[in-house]
Amino acid sequence: MRILGIDPGVATVGFAVLETGAGSQHLVTCGAITTPAGLRLSARLLQIEGDLHALIAQFSPDVMAVEELFFSKNVTTGIAVAHARGVILLAAEREGIPIFEYKPMQIKQAVTGYGGAEKRQVMEMTRRLLNLKETPRPDDAADAVAVALCHARSATSLLNRG
């Protein structure tokens, strides 16, 4: 199974393509879609959609795993990210790609075994689980790898239920 993991944002959307099978996971690629700060929100969303369609065309994912929105302090930023999440979900839906959404706590639990893990712990476990020499950069890409890994581990556990 090929998983496209997404860490939503407006300025930066982290992405990761993870290949899973026979009890193993392999990171195909990861990176970030970035949009210029001076652009109108609508232009940034259009760029995110176009870049996401290009990623989907290039890597043909079987599923998309997306981090659910969590914000507590800056509501304005949270609303903009919610717009970006909408564009991301729409792009996957248009392509007929099944979408799975995970809360930050679920991602931490799946990767580290502890839902309250710190960001650096998640990044280190992601690196270890995938036998990577270094933690993926930027942080948004590393977060997207964790989202994809969460789905890989969750999908496996769901399949193994009798």
Protein backbone atom coordinates (compact mmCIF):
# COMPACT_ATOMS: atom_id res chain seq x y z
CA MET A 1 0.00 0.00 0.00
CA ARG A 2 1.24 3.49 -0.84
CA ILE A 3 0.27 6.13 1.73
CA LEU A 4 0.40 9.88 1.16
CA GLY A 5 0.76 11.47 4.60
CA ILE A 6 -0.17 15.14 4.92
CA ASP A 7 0.55 17.70 7.64
CA PRO A 8 -1.79 20.55 6.64
CA GLY A 9 -0.84 24.20 6.64
CA VAL A 10 -1.07 27.33 4.53
CA ALA A 11 2.54 28.54 4.44
CA THR A 12 3.85 24.96 4.52
CA VAL A 13 2.12 21.66 3.82
CA GLY A 14 4.23 18.69 4.83
CA PHE A 15 3.94 15.56 2.70
CA ALA A 16 5.35 12.05 2.81
CA VAL A 17 4.95 9.01 0.60
CA LEU A 18 5.30 5.75 2.51
CA GLU A 19 5.31 2.30 0.91
CA THR A 20 4.09 -0.53 3.15
CA GLY A 21 3.89 -4.24 2.71
CA ALA A 22 4.82 -7.56 4.32
CA GLY A 23 5.21 -5.95 7.74
CA SER A 24 7.66 -3.29 6.60
CA GLN A 25 7.54 0.38 5.73
CA HIS A 26 9.77 2.31 3.36
CA LEU A 27 9.87 6.08 2.99
CA VAL A 28 9.69 6.86 -0.74
CA THR A 29 9.95 10.64 -0.39
CA CYS A 30 8.96 13.55 1.79
CA GLY A 31 9.05 17.31 1.62
CA ALA A 32 6.92 20.40 1.79
CA ILE A 33 4.66 22.47 -0.40
CA THR A 34 5.39 26.11 0.43
CA THR A 35 3.41 29.19 -0.49
CA PRO A 36 4.69 32.79 -0.47
CA ALA A 37 3.55 34.90 2.49
CA GLY A 38 2.51 37.83 0.29
CA LEU A 39 -0.08 35.90 -1.70
CA ARG A 40 -3.80 36.17 -1.01
CA LEU A 41 -5.19 33.16 0.84
CA SER A 42 -7.15 32.08 -2.24
CA ALA A 43 -3.97 32.09 -4.38
CA ARG A 44 -2.13 30.07 -1.72
CA LEU A 45 -4.96 27.52 -1.64
CA LEU A 46 -4.88 27.26 -5.44
CA GLN A 47 -1.13 26.58 -5.33
CA ILE A 48 -1.59 23.91 -2.63
CA GLU A 49 -4.25 22.21 -4.73
CA GLY A 50 -2.10 22.25 -7.87
CA ASP A 51 1.00 20.97 -6.11
CA LEU A 52 -1.01 18.26 -4.36
CA HIS A 53 -2.50 17.08 -7.66
CA ALA A 54 1.05 16.91 -9.07
CA LEU A 55 2.16 14.78 -6.09
CA ILE A 56 -0.82 12.48 -6.53
CA ALA A 57 -0.10 12.11 -10.25
CA GLN A 58 3.58 11.40 -9.63
CA PHE A 59 3.26 8.90 -6.75
CA SER A 60 -0.23 7.34 -7.23
CA PRO A 61 -1.05 6.84 -3.55
CA ASP A 62 -3.61 4.23 -2.53
CA VAL A 63 -4.75 6.28 0.47
CA MET A 64 -4.21 9.70 2.02
CA ALA A 65 -3.69 10.15 5.76
CA VAL A 66 -4.23 13.69 7.03
CA GLU A 67 -3.65 15.18 10.46
CA GLU A 68 -6.79 16.64 11.96
CA LEU A 69 -6.78 20.30 12.87
CA PHE A 70 -5.76 21.26 16.37
CA PHE A 71 -5.39 24.83 17.53
CA SER A 72 -5.83 26.43 20.88
CA LYS A 73 -4.43 29.96 20.81
CA ASN A 74 -4.42 31.53 17.35
CA VAL A 75 -7.91 31.12 15.91
CA THR A 76 -7.08 33.20 12.81
CA THR A 77 -4.24 30.85 11.86
CA GLY A 78 -6.46 27.87 12.64
CA ILE A 79 -9.14 29.11 10.26
CA ALA A 80 -6.61 29.53 7.43
CA VAL A 81 -5.27 26.01 8.07
CA ALA A 82 -8.85 24.73 8.04
CA HIS A 83 -9.24 26.23 4.56
CA ALA A 84 -6.06 24.44 3.47
CA ARG A 85 -7.31 21.15 4.95
CA GLY A 86 -10.51 21.57 2.93
CA VAL A 87 -8.52 21.97 -0.28
CA ILE A 88 -6.37 18.94 0.60
CA LEU A 89 -9.41 16.76 1.34
CA LEU A 90 -11.12 17.96 -1.83
CA ALA A 91 -8.06 17.10 -3.94
CA ALA A 92 -8.00 13.53 -2.58
CA GLU A 93 -11.75 13.14 -3.02
CA ARG A 94 -11.56 14.34 -6.64
CA GLU A 95 -8.89 11.73 -7.33
CA GLY A 96 -10.94 8.99 -5.64
CA ILE A 97 -8.30 8.45 -2.96
CA PRO A 98 -9.65 7.14 0.36
CA ILE A 99 -9.00 9.65 3.16
CA PHE A 100 -8.11 8.78 6.75
CA GLU A 101 -7.88 11.48 9.39
CA TYR A 102 -5.93 11.26 12.64
CA LYS A 103 -5.83 13.44 15.72
CA PRO A 104 -2.37 14.55 16.92
CA MET A 105 -2.71 12.30 19.98
CA GLN A 106 -3.46 9.27 17.78
CA ILE A 107 -0.36 9.96 15.69
CA LYS A 108 1.83 10.24 18.78
CA GLN A 109 0.34 7.04 20.21
CA ALA A 110 0.88 5.08 17.00
CA VAL A 111 4.48 6.23 16.55
CA THR A 112 5.80 6.37 20.13
CA GLY A 113 3.30 4.35 22.14
CA TYR A 114 2.39 7.45 24.18
CA GLY A 115 -0.27 9.96 23.15
CA GLY A 116 1.37 12.76 25.11
CA ALA A 117 4.81 12.40 23.51
CA GLU A 118 6.79 15.52 22.68
CA LYS A 119 7.48 16.49 19.08
CA ARG A 120 11.18 15.53 19.30
CA GLN A 121 10.23 12.06 20.60
CA VAL A 122 7.86 11.52 17.66
CA MET A 123 10.55 12.65 15.21
CA GLU A 124 13.17 10.36 16.74
CA MET A 125 10.86 7.32 16.77
CA THR A 126 9.86 8.03 13.17
CA ARG A 127 13.54 8.06 12.21
CA ARG A 128 14.18 4.80 14.09
CA LEU A 129 11.11 2.94 12.84
CA LEU A 130 11.98 3.72 9.22
CA ASN A 131 15.75 3.20 9.67
CA LEU A 132 16.53 6.70 8.46
CA LYS A 133 19.97 8.21 8.92
CA GLU A 134 18.48 11.61 9.76
CA THR A 135 15.14 13.02 10.78
CA PRO A 136 13.31 14.36 7.71
CA ARG A 137 13.36 18.13 7.25
CA PRO A 138 11.60 20.51 7.42
CA ASP A 139 9.57 19.69 10.55
CA ASP A 140 6.37 19.72 8.48
CA ALA A 141 7.75 16.90 6.32
CA ALA A 142 8.74 14.95 9.45
CA ASP A 143 5.20 15.44 10.78
CA ALA A 144 3.76 14.13 7.50
CA VAL A 145 5.99 11.04 7.76
CA ALA A 146 4.57 10.44 11.25
CA VAL A 147 1.02 10.80 9.89
CA ALA A 148 1.73 8.24 7.15
CA LEU A 149 3.41 5.91 9.64
CA CYS A 150 0.41 6.26 11.95
CA HIS A 151 -1.86 5.10 9.15
CA ALA A 152 0.44 2.22 8.25
CA ARG A 153 0.47 1.01 11.82
CA SER A 154 -3.27 1.63 12.33
CA ALA A 155 -4.23 -0.07 9.07
CA THR A 156 -2.15 -3.10 10.01
CA SER A 157 -3.77 -3.37 13.42
CA LEU A 158 -7.24 -3.04 11.88
CA LEU A 159 -6.46 -5.78 9.35
CA ASN A 160 -5.20 -8.10 12.08
CA ARG A 161 -8.41 -7.90 14.10
CA GLY A 162 -10.37 -11.12 13.92
